[in-house]
Structures are given as structure tokens and as C-alpha cells.
């Protein structure tokens, strides 16, 4: 299960995730990201409540990163140790802006 909270202010979107980003829930995040990237110049993903990311979730993060690369970019905040390790192993930490 994944809870997604979206807040848009001054052209910046903050999407907070709580739960698991996996094969079942990745399409939900993908739909929200597709909706906001056309409206904003910056995107922040708040992972403070996120427990897990699967390869399907990584695919959504990659497409969001690509969509925002022509704008102000994408930041990811409050990443836990296990997700941070997934980013390291997959090489995502090399190009994602993780704060």
C-alpha cells in the first residue's frame, strides 16, 4: 500500500510517499508525477514515510527525473538506509539529487 500526498506551491510540487513503492503501487505514483510535471518547474519527493522501493518504483523515479531534467530538477528527501542502499547498488545515487 502507498499513500501519496501532493502539495503544489509557487511552481514547486512536493510529493510525500508513505508505505511501499512496488509493482502494485508504482502506477499510482506515475500518474501523479505525470500530472504535476506539466504544471511545475521543480519537484521534491519526500520519502520520510517510504519503507521500500522495487525496480518498478525505480523506473517511475527514472522517468520523473528525465521529465524534470529540462526544468529545475527533482530532489529526493528523507531517504532511509535501505532505500539509500538500493540507490547505491543500482547507481541511482550517481544521478539522483538525494538530500
PDB file of N, CA and C in Angstrom:
ATOM      1  N   UNK A   1       0.835  -1.184   0.000  1.00  0.00           N
ATOM      2  CA  UNK A   1       0.000   0.000   0.000  1.00  0.00           C
ATOM      3  C   UNK A   1       0.883   1.251   0.000  1.00  0.00           C
ATOM      4  N   UNK A   2       0.423   2.286  -0.708  1.00  0.00           N
ATOM      5  CA  UNK A   2       1.172   3.528  -0.801  1.00  0.00           C
ATOM      6  C   UNK A   2       0.215   4.700  -0.640  1.00  0.00           C
ATOM      7  N   UNK A   3       0.533   5.587   0.298  1.00  0.00           N
ATOM      8  CA  UNK A   3      -0.219   6.828   0.441  1.00  0.00           C
ATOM      9  C   UNK A   3       0.590   7.931  -0.213  1.00  0.00           C
ATOM     10  N   UNK A   4      -0.051   8.692  -1.086  1.00  0.00           N
ATOM     11  CA  UNK A   4       0.603   9.767  -1.815  1.00  0.00           C
ATOM     12  C   UNK A   4      -0.083  11.077  -1.455  1.00  0.00           C
ATOM     13  N   UNK A   5       0.706  12.040  -0.992  1.00  0.00           N
ATOM     14  CA  UNK A   5       0.192  13.370  -0.687  1.00  0.00           C
ATOM     15  C   UNK A   5       0.901  14.356  -1.593  1.00  0.00           C
ATOM     16  N   UNK A   6       0.120  15.194  -2.270  1.00  0.00           N
ATOM     17  CA  UNK A   6       0.678  16.134  -3.238  1.00  0.00           C
ATOM     18  C   UNK A   6       0.376  17.553  -2.772  1.00  0.00           C
ATOM     19  N   UNK A   7       1.399  18.417  -2.846  1.00  0.00           N
ATOM     20  CA  UNK A   7       1.235  19.821  -2.498  1.00  0.00           C
ATOM     21  C   UNK A   7       1.981  20.654  -3.535  1.00  0.00           C
ATOM     22  N   UNK A   8       1.284  21.575  -4.178  1.00  0.00           N
ATOM     23  CA  UNK A   8       1.917  22.436  -5.176  1.00  0.00           C
ATOM     24  C   UNK A   8       1.836  23.877  -4.694  1.00  0.00           C
ATOM     25  N   UNK A   9       3.014  24.525  -4.657  1.00  0.00           N
ATOM     26  CA  UNK A   9       3.093  25.903  -4.201  1.00  0.00           C
ATOM     27  C   UNK A   9       4.162  26.642  -4.979  1.00  0.00           C
ATOM     28  N   UNK A  10       3.808  27.777  -5.556  1.00  0.00           N
ATOM     29  CA  UNK A  10       4.759  28.609  -6.300  1.00  0.00           C
ATOM     30  C   UNK A  10       5.539  27.828  -7.357  1.00  0.00           C
ATOM     31  N   UNK A  11       4.859  26.949  -8.076  1.00  0.00           N
ATOM     32  CA  UNK A  11       5.509  26.204  -9.145  1.00  0.00           C
ATOM     33  C   UNK A  11       6.375  25.046  -8.691  1.00  0.00           C
ATOM     34  N   UNK A  12       6.338  24.755  -7.405  1.00  0.00           N
ATOM     35  CA  UNK A  12       7.093  23.625  -6.847  1.00  0.00           C
ATOM     36  C   UNK A  12       6.112  22.579  -6.335  1.00  0.00           C
ATOM     37  N   UNK A  13       6.342  21.323  -6.701  1.00  0.00           N
ATOM     38  CA  UNK A  13       5.498  20.229  -6.209  1.00  0.00           C
ATOM     39  C   UNK A  13       6.271  19.431  -5.170  1.00  0.00           C
ATOM     40  N   UNK A  14       5.599  19.138  -4.073  1.00  0.00           N
ATOM     41  CA  UNK A  14       6.154  18.235  -3.067  1.00  0.00           C
ATOM     42  C   UNK A  14       5.213  17.036  -2.992  1.00  0.00           C
ATOM     43  N   UNK A  15       5.777  15.875  -3.281  1.00  0.00           N
ATOM     44  CA  UNK A  15       5.002  14.641  -3.216  1.00  0.00           C
ATOM     45  C   UNK A  15       5.575  13.807  -2.077  1.00  0.00           C
ATOM     46  N   UNK A  16       4.733  13.553  -1.074  1.00  0.00           N
ATOM     47  CA  UNK A  16       5.146  12.748   0.076  1.00  0.00           C
ATOM     48  C   UNK A  16       4.616  11.334  -0.092  1.00  0.00           C
ATOM     49  N   UNK A  17       5.495  10.375   0.149  1.00  0.00           N
ATOM     50  CA  UNK A  17       5.139   8.967  -0.022  1.00  0.00           C
ATOM     51  C   UNK A  17       5.210   8.250   1.321  1.00  0.00           C
ATOM     52  N   UNK A  18       4.239   7.390   1.553  1.00  0.00           N
ATOM     53  CA  UNK A  18       4.203   6.605   2.778  1.00  0.00           C
ATOM     54  C   UNK A  18       3.796   5.182   2.435  1.00  0.00           C
ATOM     55  N   UNK A  19       4.647   4.224   2.798  1.00  0.00           N
ATOM     56  CA  UNK A  19       4.353   2.820   2.518  1.00  0.00           C
ATOM     57  C   UNK A  19       5.391   2.190   1.622  1.00  0.00           C
ATOM     58  N   UNK A  20       4.915   1.455   0.611  1.00  0.00           N
ATOM     59  CA  UNK A  20       5.800   0.710  -0.286  1.00  0.00           C
ATOM     60  C   UNK A  20       5.584   1.144  -1.731  1.00  0.00           C
ATOM     61  N   UNK A  21       6.692   1.423  -2.410  1.00  0.00           N
ATOM     62  CA  UNK A  21       6.649   1.753  -3.834  1.00  0.00           C
ATOM     63  C   UNK A  21       7.092   0.508  -4.590  1.00  0.00           C
ATOM     64  N   UNK A  22       6.107  -0.255  -5.082  1.00  0.00           N
ATOM     65  CA  UNK A  22       6.409  -1.541  -5.712  1.00  0.00           C
ATOM     66  C   UNK A  22       5.593  -1.697  -6.998  1.00  0.00           C
ATOM     67  N   UNK A  23       5.559  -2.896  -7.526  1.00  0.00           N
ATOM     68  CA  UNK A  23       4.879  -3.169  -8.788  1.00  0.00           C
ATOM     69  C   UNK A  23       3.402  -2.774  -8.740  1.00  0.00           C
ATOM     70  N   UNK A  24       2.774  -2.985  -7.605  1.00  0.00           N
ATOM     71  CA  UNK A  24       1.350  -2.679  -7.462  1.00  0.00           C
ATOM     72  C   UNK A  24       1.106  -1.171  -7.357  1.00  0.00           C
ATOM     73  N   UNK A  25       1.981  -0.460  -6.623  1.00  0.00           N
ATOM     74  CA  UNK A  25       1.736   0.954  -6.333  1.00  0.00           C
ATOM     75  C   UNK A  25       2.455   1.926  -7.264  1.00  0.00           C
ATOM     76  N   UNK A  26       3.450   1.466  -8.004  1.00  0.00           N
ATOM     77  CA  UNK A  26       4.209   2.353  -8.895  1.00  0.00           C
ATOM     78  C   UNK A  26       3.315   3.092  -9.899  1.00  0.00           C
ATOM     79  N   UNK A  27       2.300   2.435 -10.493  1.00  0.00           N
ATOM     80  CA  UNK A  27       1.441   3.166 -11.431  1.00  0.00           C
ATOM     81  C   UNK A  27       0.709   4.357 -10.788  1.00  0.00           C
ATOM     82  N   UNK A  28       0.396   4.258  -9.489  1.00  0.00           N
ATOM     83  CA  UNK A  28      -0.251   5.369  -8.790  1.00  0.00           C
ATOM     84  C   UNK A  28       0.677   6.589  -8.756  1.00  0.00           C
ATOM     85  N   UNK A  29       1.933   6.365  -8.381  1.00  0.00           N
ATOM     86  CA  UNK A  29       2.893   7.460  -8.335  1.00  0.00           C
ATOM     87  C   UNK A  29       3.153   7.993  -9.735  1.00  0.00           C
ATOM     88  N   UNK A  30       3.253   7.096 -10.706  1.00  0.00           N
ATOM     89  CA  UNK A  30       3.499   7.504 -12.086  1.00  0.00           C
ATOM     90  C   UNK A  30       2.401   8.456 -12.571  1.00  0.00           C
ATOM     91  N   UNK A  31       1.145   8.161 -12.239  1.00  0.00           N
ATOM     92  CA  UNK A  31       0.025   9.006 -12.645  1.00  0.00           C
ATOM     93  C   UNK A  31       0.118  10.388 -12.003  1.00  0.00           C
ATOM     94  N   UNK A  32       0.471  10.434 -10.724  1.00  0.00           N
ATOM     95  CA  UNK A  32       0.599  11.717 -10.019  1.00  0.00           C
ATOM     96  C   UNK A  32       1.753  12.523 -10.594  1.00  0.00           C
ATOM     97  N   UNK A  33       2.882  11.869 -10.844  1.00  0.00           N
ATOM     98  CA  UNK A  33       4.053  12.560 -11.397  1.00  0.00           C
ATOM     99  C   UNK A  33       3.734  13.123 -12.780  1.00  0.00           C
ATOM    100  N   UNK A  34       3.101  12.323 -13.635  1.00  0.00           N
ATOM    101  CA  UNK A  34       2.748  12.793 -14.980  1.00  0.00           C
ATOM    102  C   UNK A  34       1.837  14.013 -14.913  1.00  0.00           C
ATOM    103  N   UNK A  35       0.949  14.022 -13.934  1.00  0.00           N
ATOM    104  CA  UNK A  35       0.023  15.132 -13.759  1.00  0.00           C
ATOM    105  C   UNK A  35       0.759  16.416 -13.338  1.00  0.00           C
ATOM    106  N   UNK A  36       1.700  16.299 -12.406  1.00  0.00           N
ATOM    107  CA  UNK A  36       2.338  17.510 -11.871  1.00  0.00           C
ATOM    108  C   UNK A  36       3.485  18.043 -12.722  1.00  0.00           C
ATOM    109  N   UNK A  37       4.200  17.199 -13.453  1.00  0.00           N
ATOM    110  CA  UNK A  37       5.377  17.693 -14.181  1.00  0.00           C
ATOM    111  C   UNK A  37       5.016  18.731 -15.241  1.00  0.00           C
ATOM    112  N   UNK A  38       3.806  18.683 -15.746  1.00  0.00           N
ATOM    113  CA  UNK A  38       3.402  19.686 -16.723  1.00  0.00           C
ATOM    114  C   UNK A  38       3.101  21.030 -16.072  1.00  0.00           C
ATOM    115  N   UNK A  39       2.804  21.024 -14.764  1.00  0.00           N
ATOM    116  CA  UNK A  39       2.393  22.231 -14.050  1.00  0.00           C
ATOM    117  C   UNK A  39       3.525  22.939 -13.318  1.00  0.00           C
ATOM    118  N   UNK A  40       4.608  22.261 -13.046  1.00  0.00           N
ATOM    119  CA  UNK A  40       5.619  22.803 -12.130  1.00  0.00           C
ATOM    120  C   UNK A  40       6.996  22.903 -12.783  1.00  0.00           C
ATOM    121  N   UNK A  41       7.874  23.670 -12.126  1.00  0.00           N
ATOM    122  CA  UNK A  41       9.261  23.739 -12.589  1.00  0.00           C
ATOM    123  C   UNK A  41      10.207  23.004 -11.644  1.00  0.00           C
ATOM    124  N   UNK A  42       9.720  22.601 -10.462  1.00  0.00           N
ATOM    125  CA  UNK A  42      10.532  21.855  -9.513  1.00  0.00           C
ATOM    126  C   UNK A  42       9.716  20.764  -8.844  1.00  0.00           C
ATOM    127  N   UNK A  43      10.379  19.659  -8.514  1.00  0.00           N
ATOM    128  CA  UNK A  43       9.700  18.521  -7.887  1.00  0.00           C
ATOM    129  C   UNK A  43      10.550  17.998  -6.745  1.00  0.00           C
ATOM    130  N   UNK A  44       9.918  17.847  -5.582  1.00  0.00           N
ATOM    131  CA  UNK A  44      10.571  17.235  -4.431  1.00  0.00           C
ATOM    132  C   UNK A  44       9.753  16.021  -4.017  1.00  0.00           C
ATOM    133  N   UNK A  45      10.444  14.895  -3.853  1.00  0.00           N
ATOM    134  CA  UNK A  45       9.804  13.684  -3.341  1.00  0.00           C
ATOM    135  C   UNK A  45      10.260  13.504  -1.898  1.00  0.00           C
ATOM    136  N   UNK A  46       9.308  13.435  -0.990  1.00  0.00           N
ATOM    137  CA  UNK A  46       9.600  13.247   0.427  1.00  0.00           C
ATOM    138  C   UNK A  46       9.400  11.773   0.760  1.00  0.00           C
ATOM    139  N   UNK A  47      10.515  11.103   1.065  1.00  0.00           N
ATOM    140  CA  UNK A  47      10.499   9.668   1.342  1.00  0.00           C
ATOM    141  C   UNK A  47      10.454   9.355   2.841  1.00  0.00           C
ATOM    142  N   UNK A  48      10.135  10.336   3.701  1.00  0.00           N
ATOM    143  CA  UNK A  48      10.207  10.092   5.146  1.00  0.00           C
ATOM    144  C   UNK A  48       9.307   8.938   5.595  1.00  0.00           C
ATOM    145  N   UNK A  49       8.209   8.675   4.872  1.00  0.00           N
ATOM    146  CA  UNK A  49       7.338   7.570   5.245  1.00  0.00           C
ATOM    147  C   UNK A  49       7.461   6.359   4.341  1.00  0.00           C
ATOM    148  N   UNK A  50       8.430   6.399   3.416  1.00  0.00           N
ATOM    149  CA  UNK A  50       8.574   5.300   2.463  1.00  0.00           C
ATOM    150  C   UNK A  50       9.472   4.203   3.039  1.00  0.00           C
ATOM    151  N   UNK A  51       8.993   2.965   2.960  1.00  0.00           N
ATOM    152  CA  UNK A  51       9.714   1.832   3.543  1.00  0.00           C
ATOM    153  C   UNK A  51      10.516   1.041   2.515  1.00  0.00           C
ATOM    154  N   UNK A  52      10.055   1.029   1.261  1.00  0.00           N
ATOM    155  CA  UNK A  52      10.613   0.099   0.277  1.00  0.00           C
ATOM    156  C   UNK A  52      10.433   0.640  -1.133  1.00  0.00           C
ATOM    157  N   UNK A  53      11.408   0.387  -2.004  1.00  0.00           N
ATOM    158  CA  UNK A  53      11.305   0.720  -3.425  1.00  0.00           C
ATOM    159  C   UNK A  53      11.724  -0.497  -4.234  1.00  0.00           C
ATOM    160  N   UNK A  54      10.857  -0.933  -5.168  1.00  0.00           N
ATOM    161  CA  UNK A  54      11.189  -2.055  -6.059  1.00  0.00           C
ATOM    162  C   UNK A  54      11.714  -1.504  -7.381  1.00  0.00           C
ATOM    163  N   UNK A  55      12.052  -2.401  -8.291  1.00  0.00           N
ATOM    164  CA  UNK A  55      12.523  -1.978  -9.609  1.00  0.00           C
ATOM    165  C   UNK A  55      11.443  -1.194 -10.361  1.00  0.00           C
ATOM    166  N   UNK A  56      10.182  -1.531 -10.144  1.00  0.00           N
ATOM    167  CA  UNK A  56       9.087  -0.780 -10.769  1.00  0.00           C
ATOM    168  C   UNK A  56       9.056   0.654 -10.240  1.00  0.00           C
ATOM    169  N   UNK A  57       9.326   0.807  -8.956  1.00  0.00           N
ATOM    170  CA  UNK A  57       9.401   2.135  -8.359  1.00  0.00           C
ATOM    171  C   UNK A  57      10.588   2.915  -8.892  1.00  0.00           C
ATOM    172  N   UNK A  58      11.716   2.245  -9.074  1.00  0.00           N
ATOM    173  CA  UNK A  58      12.904   2.901  -9.634  1.00  0.00           C
ATOM    174  C   UNK A  58      12.631   3.401 -11.046  1.00  0.00           C
ATOM    175  N   UNK A  59      11.868   2.645 -11.810  1.00  0.00           N
ATOM    176  CA  UNK A  59      11.525   3.052 -13.174  1.00  0.00           C
ATOM    177  C   UNK A  59      10.727   4.360 -13.155  1.00  0.00           C
ATOM    178  N   UNK A  60       9.791   4.475 -12.208  1.00  0.00           N
ATOM    179  CA  UNK A  60       8.999   5.706 -12.090  1.00  0.00           C
ATOM    180  C   UNK A  60       9.906   6.876 -11.692  1.00  0.00           C
ATOM    181  N   UNK A  61      10.848   6.630 -10.775  1.00  0.00           N
ATOM    182  CA  UNK A  61      11.782   7.690 -10.366  1.00  0.00           C
ATOM    183  C   UNK A  61      12.648   8.132 -11.539  1.00  0.00           C
ATOM    184  N   UNK A  62      13.078   7.171 -12.356  1.00  0.00           N
ATOM    185  CA  UNK A  62      13.895   7.495 -13.524  1.00  0.00           C
ATOM    186  C   UNK A  62      13.109   8.354 -14.516  1.00  0.00           C
ATOM    187  N   UNK A  63      11.874   7.989 -14.796  1.00  0.00           N
ATOM    188  CA  UNK A  63      11.078   8.772 -15.746  1.00  0.00           C
ATOM    189  C   UNK A  63      10.762  10.160 -15.183  1.00  0.00           C
ATOM    190  N   UNK A  64      10.539  10.265 -13.882  1.00  0.00           N
ATOM    191  CA  UNK A  64      10.303  11.574 -13.250  1.00  0.00           C
ATOM    192  C   UNK A  64      11.556  12.436 -13.347  1.00  0.00           C
ATOM    193  N   UNK A  65      12.711  11.815 -13.099  1.00  0.00           N
ATOM    194  CA  UNK A  65      13.989  12.528 -13.198  1.00  0.00           C
ATOM    195  C   UNK A  65      14.189  13.067 -14.617  1.00  0.00           C
ATOM    196  N   UNK A  66      13.910  12.233 -15.608  1.00  0.00           N
ATOM    197  CA  UNK A  66      14.054  12.654 -17.017  1.00  0.00           C
ATOM    198  C   UNK A  66      13.099  13.792 -17.345  1.00  0.00           C
ATOM    199  N   UNK A  67      11.853  13.687 -16.886  1.00  0.00           N
ATOM    200  CA  UNK A  67      10.848  14.716 -17.164  1.00  0.00           C
ATOM    201  C   UNK A  67      11.232  16.052 -16.537  1.00  0.00           C
ATOM    202  N   UNK A  68      11.874  16.007 -15.378  1.00  0.00           N
ATOM    203  CA  UNK A  68      12.224  17.245 -14.672  1.00  0.00           C
ATOM    204  C   UNK A  68      13.605  17.769 -15.052  1.00  0.00           C
ATOM    205  N   UNK A  69      14.367  17.020 -15.832  1.00  0.00           N
ATOM    206  CA  UNK A  69      15.736  17.429 -16.164  1.00  0.00           C
ATOM    207  C   UNK A  69      15.781  18.682 -17.033  1.00  0.00           C
ATOM    208  N   UNK A  70      14.711  18.967 -17.763  1.00  0.00           N
ATOM    209  CA  UNK A  70      14.674  20.182 -18.583  1.00  0.00           C
ATOM    210  C   UNK A  70      14.136  21.370 -17.783  1.00  0.00           C
ATOM    211  N   UNK A  71      13.797  21.135 -16.526  1.00  0.00           N
ATOM    212  CA  UNK A  71      13.264  22.184 -15.642  1.00  0.00           C
ATOM    213  C   UNK A  71      14.249  22.381 -14.492  1.00  0.00           C
ATOM    214  N   UNK A  72      13.742  22.737 -13.327  1.00  0.00           N
ATOM    215  CA  UNK A  72      14.616  22.964 -12.160  1.00  0.00           C
ATOM    216  C   UNK A  72      15.132  21.672 -11.537  1.00  0.00           C
ATOM    217  N   UNK A  73      14.593  20.547 -11.978  1.00  0.00           N
ATOM    218  CA  UNK A  73      15.085  19.269 -11.482  1.00  0.00           C
ATOM    219  C   UNK A  73      14.201  18.656 -10.414  1.00  0.00           C
ATOM    220  N   UNK A  74      14.686  17.535  -9.900  1.00  0.00           N
ATOM    221  CA  UNK A  74      13.960  16.752  -8.913  1.00  0.00           C
ATOM    222  C   UNK A  74      14.872  16.479  -7.728  1.00  0.00           C
ATOM    223  N   UNK A  75      14.326  16.621  -6.518  1.00  0.00           N
ATOM    224  CA  UNK A  75      15.060  16.308  -5.289  1.00  0.00           C
ATOM    225  C   UNK A  75      14.326  15.191  -4.563  1.00  0.00           C
ATOM    226  N   UNK A  76      15.097  14.382  -3.867  1.00  0.00           N
ATOM    227  CA  UNK A  76      14.505  13.352  -3.015  1.00  0.00           C
ATOM    228  C   UNK A  76      15.031  13.587  -1.601  1.00  0.00           C
ATOM    229  N   UNK A  77      14.108  13.676  -0.650  1.00  0.00           N
ATOM    230  CA  UNK A  77      14.484  13.969   0.735  1.00  0.00           C
ATOM    231  C   UNK A  77      14.068  12.848   1.671  1.00  0.00           C
ATOM    232  N   UNK A  78      14.771  12.768   2.791  1.00  0.00           N
ATOM    233  CA  UNK A  78      14.436  11.854   3.897  1.00  0.00           C
ATOM    234  C   UNK A  78      14.437  10.383   3.471  1.00  0.00           C
ATOM    235  N   UNK A  79      15.517   9.968   2.834  1.00  0.00           N
ATOM    236  CA  UNK A  79      15.657   8.587   2.362  1.00  0.00           C
ATOM    237  C   UNK A  79      16.203   7.725   3.496  1.00  0.00           C
ATOM    238  N   UNK A  80      15.539   6.599   3.767  1.00  0.00           N
ATOM    239  CA  UNK A  80      16.037   5.715   4.833  1.00  0.00           C
ATOM    240  C   UNK A  80      17.243   4.906   4.342  1.00  0.00           C
ATOM    241  N   UNK A  81      17.891   4.207   5.249  1.00  0.00           N
ATOM    242  CA  UNK A  81      19.132   3.497   4.932  1.00  0.00           C
ATOM    243  C   UNK A  81      18.948   2.404   3.881  1.00  0.00           C
ATOM    244  N   UNK A  82      17.850   1.646   3.956  1.00  0.00           N
ATOM    245  CA  UNK A  82      17.678   0.551   2.995  1.00  0.00           C
ATOM    246  C   UNK A  82      17.411   1.083   1.585  1.00  0.00           C
ATOM    247  N   UNK A  83      16.652   2.157   1.461  1.00  0.00           N
ATOM    248  CA  UNK A  83      16.419   2.749   0.140  1.00  0.00           C
ATOM    249  C   UNK A  83      17.695   3.409  -0.372  1.00  0.00           C
ATOM    250  N   UNK A  84      18.433   4.027   0.533  1.00  0.00           N
ATOM    251  CA  UNK A  84      19.713   4.631   0.158  1.00  0.00           C
ATOM    252  C   UNK A  84      20.656   3.563  -0.399  1.00  0.00           C
ATOM    253  N   UNK A  85      20.647   2.400   0.222  1.00  0.00           N
ATOM    254  CA  UNK A  85      21.484   1.294  -0.238  1.00  0.00           C
ATOM    255  C   UNK A  85      21.042   0.813  -1.625  1.00  0.00           C
ATOM    256  N   UNK A  86      19.730   0.774  -1.859  1.00  0.00           N
ATOM    257  CA  UNK A  86      19.204   0.397  -3.180  1.00  0.00           C
ATOM    258  C   UNK A  86      19.691   1.402  -4.225  1.00  0.00           C
ATOM    259  N   UNK A  87      19.652   2.692  -3.894  1.00  0.00           N
ATOM    260  CA  UNK A  87      20.138   3.727  -4.809  1.00  0.00           C
ATOM    261  C   UNK A  87      21.624   3.547  -5.109  1.00  0.00           C
ATOM    262  N   UNK A  88      22.405   3.180  -4.089  1.00  0.00           N
ATOM    263  CA  UNK A  88      23.845   2.966  -4.271  1.00  0.00           C
ATOM    264  C   UNK A  88      24.113   1.774  -5.194  1.00  0.00           C
ATOM    265  N   UNK A  89      23.467   0.649  -4.913  1.00  0.00           N
ATOM    266  CA  UNK A  89      23.703  -0.581  -5.654  1.00  0.00           C
ATOM    267  C   UNK A  89      23.288  -0.451  -7.118  1.00  0.00           C
ATOM    268  N   UNK A  90      22.186   0.259  -7.360  1.00  0.00           N
ATOM    269  CA  UNK A  90      21.669   0.395  -8.728  1.00  0.00           C
ATOM    270  C   UNK A  90      22.323   1.530  -9.502  1.00  0.00           C
ATOM    271  N   UNK A  91      23.094   2.366  -8.821  1.00  0.00           N
ATOM    272  CA  UNK A  91      23.723   3.508  -9.484  1.00  0.00           C
ATOM    273  C   UNK A  91      22.832   4.743  -9.538  1.00  0.00           C
ATOM    274  N   UNK A  92      21.631   4.652  -8.984  1.00  0.00           N
ATOM    275  CA  UNK A  92      20.725   5.800  -8.986  1.00  0.00           C
ATOM    276  C   UNK A  92      21.288   6.964  -8.168  1.00  0.00           C
ATOM    277  N   UNK A  93      22.097   6.646  -7.171  1.00  0.00           N
ATOM    278  CA  UNK A  93      22.684   7.720  -6.345  1.00  0.00           C
ATOM    279  C   UNK A  93      23.664   8.572  -7.146  1.00  0.00           C
ATOM    280  N   UNK A  94      24.117   8.062  -8.301  1.00  0.00           N
ATOM    281  CA  UNK A  94      25.044   8.817  -9.143  1.00  0.00           C
ATOM    282  C   UNK A  94      24.366   9.987  -9.858  1.00  0.00           C
ATOM    283  N   UNK A  95      23.070   9.876 -10.114  1.00  0.00           N
ATOM    284  CA  UNK A  95      22.402  10.955 -10.843  1.00  0.00           C
ATOM    285  C   UNK A  95      21.201  11.580 -10.143  1.00  0.00           C
ATOM    286  N   UNK A  96      20.660  10.900  -9.130  1.00  0.00           N
ATOM    287  CA  UNK A  96      19.540  11.490  -8.384  1.00  0.00           C
ATOM    288  C   UNK A  96      20.071  12.492  -7.378  1.00  0.00           C
ATOM    289  N   UNK A  97      19.315  13.562  -7.165  1.00  0.00           N
ATOM    290  CA  UNK A  97      19.659  14.564  -6.163  1.00  0.00           C
ATOM    291  C   UNK A  97      18.998  14.158  -4.849  1.00  0.00           C
ATOM    292  N   UNK A  98      19.749  13.432  -4.017  1.00  0.00           N
ATOM    293  CA  UNK A  98      19.223  12.940  -2.745  1.00  0.00           C
ATOM    294  C   UNK A  98      19.775  13.820  -1.633  1.00  0.00           C
ATOM    295  N   UNK A  99      18.863  14.408  -0.877  1.00  0.00           N
ATOM    296  CA  UNK A  99      19.257  15.303   0.233  1.00  0.00           C
ATOM    297  C   UNK A  99      19.077  14.625   1.566  1.00  0.00           C
TER     298      UNK A  99
END
